[in-house]
C-alpha atoms as a PDB file:
ATOM      1  CA  MET A   1     -86.184  18.664  -9.250  1.00  0.00           C
ATOM      2  CA  LYS A   2     -89.564  18.796  -7.468  1.00  0.00           C
ATOM      3  CA  GLU A   3     -91.295  17.141 -10.422  1.00  0.00           C
ATOM      4  CA  ASN A   4     -88.772  14.300 -10.319  1.00  0.00           C
ATOM      5  CA  PHE A   5     -89.618  13.818  -6.626  1.00  0.00           C
ATOM      6  CA  PHE A   6     -93.314  13.826  -7.496  1.00  0.00           C
ATOM      7  CA  GLU A   7     -92.746  11.127 -10.126  1.00  0.00           C
ATOM      8  CA  ARG A   8     -90.847   9.024  -7.583  1.00  0.00           C
ATOM      9  CA  CYS A   9     -93.819   9.392  -5.212  1.00  0.00           C
ATOM     10  CA  TYR A  10     -96.202   8.259  -7.935  1.00  0.00           C
ATOM     11  CA  GLN A  11     -94.066   5.176  -8.622  1.00  0.00           C
ATOM     12  CA  ILE A  12     -94.684   4.114  -5.028  1.00  0.00           C
ATOM     13  CA  VAL A  13     -98.352   5.081  -4.819  1.00  0.00           C
ATOM     14  CA  VAL A  14     -99.307   2.988  -7.851  1.00  0.00           C
ATOM     15  CA  GLN A  15     -97.950  -0.042  -5.970  1.00  0.00           C
ATOM     16  CA  ILE A  16    -100.226   0.368  -2.937  1.00  0.00           C
ATOM     17  CA  PRO A  17    -102.493  -2.673  -3.052  1.00  0.00           C
ATOM     18  CA  TYR A  18    -106.256  -2.350  -3.385  1.00  0.00           C
ATOM     19  CA  GLY A  19    -107.805  -2.101   0.086  1.00  0.00           C
ATOM     20  CA  ARG A  20    -104.606  -0.823   1.716  1.00  0.00           C
ATOM     21  CA  VAL A  21    -103.254   2.639   2.565  1.00  0.00           C
ATOM     22  CA  THR A  22     -99.943   4.235   3.362  1.00  0.00           C
ATOM     23  CA  THR A  23     -98.859   7.590   4.767  1.00  0.00           C
ATOM     24  CA  TYR A  24     -97.189  10.678   3.392  1.00  0.00           C
ATOM     25  CA  GLY A  25     -94.344  10.119   5.845  1.00  0.00           C
ATOM     26  CA  SER A  26     -93.838   6.475   4.892  1.00  0.00           C
ATOM     27  CA  ILE A  27     -93.435   7.444   1.262  1.00  0.00           C
ATOM     28  CA  ALA A  28     -91.032  10.259   2.149  1.00  0.00           C
ATOM     29  CA  LYS A  29     -88.976   7.957   4.364  1.00  0.00           C
ATOM     30  CA  TYR A  30     -88.834   5.284   1.667  1.00  0.00           C
ATOM     31  CA  LEU A  31     -87.530   7.891  -0.784  1.00  0.00           C
ATOM     32  CA  GLY A  32     -84.773   8.897   1.633  1.00  0.00           C
ATOM     33  CA  ALA A  33     -86.380  12.242   2.418  1.00  0.00           C
ATOM     34  CA  ALA A  34     -87.946  11.539   5.814  1.00  0.00           C
ATOM     35  CA  LYS A  35     -88.736  15.204   6.490  1.00  0.00           C
ATOM     36  CA  SER A  36     -90.564  15.658   3.186  1.00  0.00           C
ATOM     37  CA  ALA A  37     -94.003  14.286   4.066  1.00  0.00           C
ATOM     38  CA  ARG A  38     -95.577  17.625   3.184  1.00  0.00           C
ATOM     39  CA  THR A  39     -93.954  17.526  -0.257  1.00  0.00           C
ATOM     40  CA  VAL A  40     -95.438  14.054  -0.753  1.00  0.00           C
ATOM     41  CA  GLY A  41     -98.790  15.669   0.038  1.00  0.00           C
ATOM     42  CA  TYR A  42     -98.191  18.291  -2.636  1.00  0.00           C
ATOM     43  CA  ALA A  43     -97.416  15.466  -5.069  1.00  0.00           C
ATOM     44  CA  MET A  44    -100.732  13.813  -4.210  1.00  0.00           C
ATOM     45  CA  VAL A  45    -102.602  17.059  -4.885  1.00  0.00           C
ATOM     46  CA  ALA A  46    -100.829  17.366  -8.248  1.00  0.00           C
ATOM     47  CA  SER A  47    -101.658  13.742  -9.120  1.00  0.00           C
ATOM     48  CA  HIS A  48    -105.375  14.265  -9.686  1.00  0.00           C
ATOM     49  CA  THR A  49    -104.903  14.654 -13.436  1.00  0.00           C
ATOM     50  CA  LYS A  50    -103.012  11.353 -13.573  1.00  0.00           C
ATOM     51  CA  ASN A  51    -104.100   7.767 -12.980  1.00  0.00           C
ATOM     52  CA  ILE A  52    -102.643   7.684  -9.450  1.00  0.00           C
ATOM     53  CA  PRO A  53    -104.610   6.162  -6.517  1.00  0.00           C
ATOM     54  CA  SER A  54    -103.772   9.102  -4.253  1.00  0.00           C
ATOM     55  CA  HIS A  55    -106.864   8.377  -2.138  1.00  0.00           C
ATOM     56  CA  ARG A  56    -104.772   5.578  -0.564  1.00  0.00           C
ATOM     57  CA  VAL A  57    -102.358   8.073   1.033  1.00  0.00           C
ATOM     58  CA  VAL A  58    -103.369   9.421   4.451  1.00  0.00           C
ATOM     59  CA  ASN A  59    -101.705  11.058   7.428  1.00  0.00           C
ATOM     60  CA  ARG A  60     -99.730   9.130  10.040  1.00  0.00           C
ATOM     61  CA  ASN A  61    -102.794   8.652  12.240  1.00  0.00           C
ATOM     62  CA  GLY A  62    -105.034   7.406   9.454  1.00  0.00           C
ATOM     63  CA  TYR A  63    -106.924  10.660   8.981  1.00  0.00           C
ATOM     64  CA  LEU A  64    -108.163  11.658   5.533  1.00  0.00           C
ATOM     65  CA  THR A  65    -106.359  14.992   5.656  1.00  0.00           C
ATOM     66  CA  GLY A  66    -106.251  15.316   1.860  1.00  0.00           C
ATOM     67  CA  LYS A  67    -109.974  14.785   1.354  1.00  0.00           C
ATOM     68  CA  HIS A  68    -110.703  18.400   0.433  1.00  0.00           C
ATOM     69  CA  HIS A  69    -108.513  18.002  -2.684  1.00  0.00           C
ATOM     70  CA  PHE A  70    -110.889  15.433  -4.173  1.00  0.00           C
ATOM     71  CA  GLY A  71    -113.961  16.427  -6.159  1.00  0.00           C
ATOM     72  CA  GLY A  72    -117.220  15.858  -4.357  1.00  0.00           C
ATOM     73  CA  CYS A  73    -117.963  16.103  -0.682  1.00  0.00           C
ATOM     74  CA  ASN A  74    -116.709  12.704   0.412  1.00  0.00           C
ATOM     75  CA  LEU A  75    -115.039  11.242  -2.680  1.00  0.00           C
ATOM     76  CA  MET A  76    -111.832  10.174  -0.920  1.00  0.00           C
ATOM     77  CA  GLN A  77    -113.837   8.386   1.765  1.00  0.00           C
ATOM     78  CA  GLN A  78    -116.132   6.777  -0.807  1.00  0.00           C
ATOM     79  CA  LEU A  79    -113.179   5.475  -2.824  1.00  0.00           C
ATOM     80  CA  LEU A  80    -111.613   3.950   0.291  1.00  0.00           C
ATOM     81  CA  GLU A  81    -114.894   2.467   1.486  1.00  0.00           C
ATOM     82  CA  ASN A  82    -115.399   0.928  -1.954  1.00  0.00           C
ATOM     83  CA  GLU A  83    -112.137  -0.916  -1.287  1.00  0.00           C
ATOM     84  CA  GLY A  84    -113.454  -2.220   2.037  1.00  0.00           C
ATOM     85  CA  ILE A  85    -111.745   0.285   4.322  1.00  0.00           C
ATOM     86  CA  ILE A  86    -113.854   1.368   7.302  1.00  0.00           C
ATOM     87  CA  ILE A  87    -113.852   5.070   8.124  1.00  0.00           C
ATOM     88  CA  ALA A  88    -115.425   6.937  11.015  1.00  0.00           C
ATOM     89  CA  ASN A  89    -115.083  10.677  11.626  1.00  0.00           C
ATOM     90  CA  ASP A  90    -112.581  11.033   8.767  1.00  0.00           C
ATOM     91  CA  GLN A  91    -110.266   8.410  10.302  1.00  0.00           C
ATOM     92  CA  ILE A  92    -109.500   4.908   9.073  1.00  0.00           C
ATOM     93  CA  GLN A  93    -110.550   2.281  11.585  1.00  0.00           C
ATOM     94  CA  ASN A  94    -108.166  -0.634  12.185  1.00  0.00           C
ATOM     95  CA  PHE A  95    -105.446   1.491  10.572  1.00  0.00           C
ATOM     96  CA  GLU A  96    -102.680  -0.944  11.564  1.00  0.00           C
ATOM     97  CA  THR A  97    -104.455  -3.717   9.636  1.00  0.00           C
ATOM     98  CA  VAL A  98    -104.739  -1.839   6.338  1.00  0.00           C
ATOM     99  CA  PHE A  99    -101.448   0.062   6.570  1.00  0.00           C
ATOM    100  CA  TRP A 100     -98.987  -0.736   3.767  1.00  0.00           C
ATOM    101  CA  ASP A 101     -95.325   0.089   4.458  1.00  0.00           C
ATOM    102  CA  PRO A 102     -93.374   0.582   1.233  1.00  0.00           C
ATOM    103  CA  SER A 103     -90.069  -0.117   2.990  1.00  0.00           C
ATOM    104  CA  LYS A 104     -91.289  -3.627   3.813  1.00  0.00           C
ATOM    105  CA  GLU A 105     -93.274  -4.331   0.669  1.00  0.00           C
ATOM    106  CA  ILE A 106     -91.210  -3.002  -2.250  1.00  0.00           C
END
């Protein structure tokens, strides 16, 4: 059951446009499991062996809370910055501008 939820998360994450981000909670809400943001986070951790752009999923305030799950010291930040996203002190700047809401976009 959990793996099916993970796959549903991945189906959303692969649709996040280049240069945009979404949140664990937004994905959970879109999937009809609003209180499952943490489980979405577990799915992102498990996605590192797949071709899933999990670096585009952050917490509700734009913080890179999952950064320690990426190889390298600042890989998550580097991947986001390569897409034009500005980050300061582990937080996305102009978060509202780059936020992608799956409930409005899919």
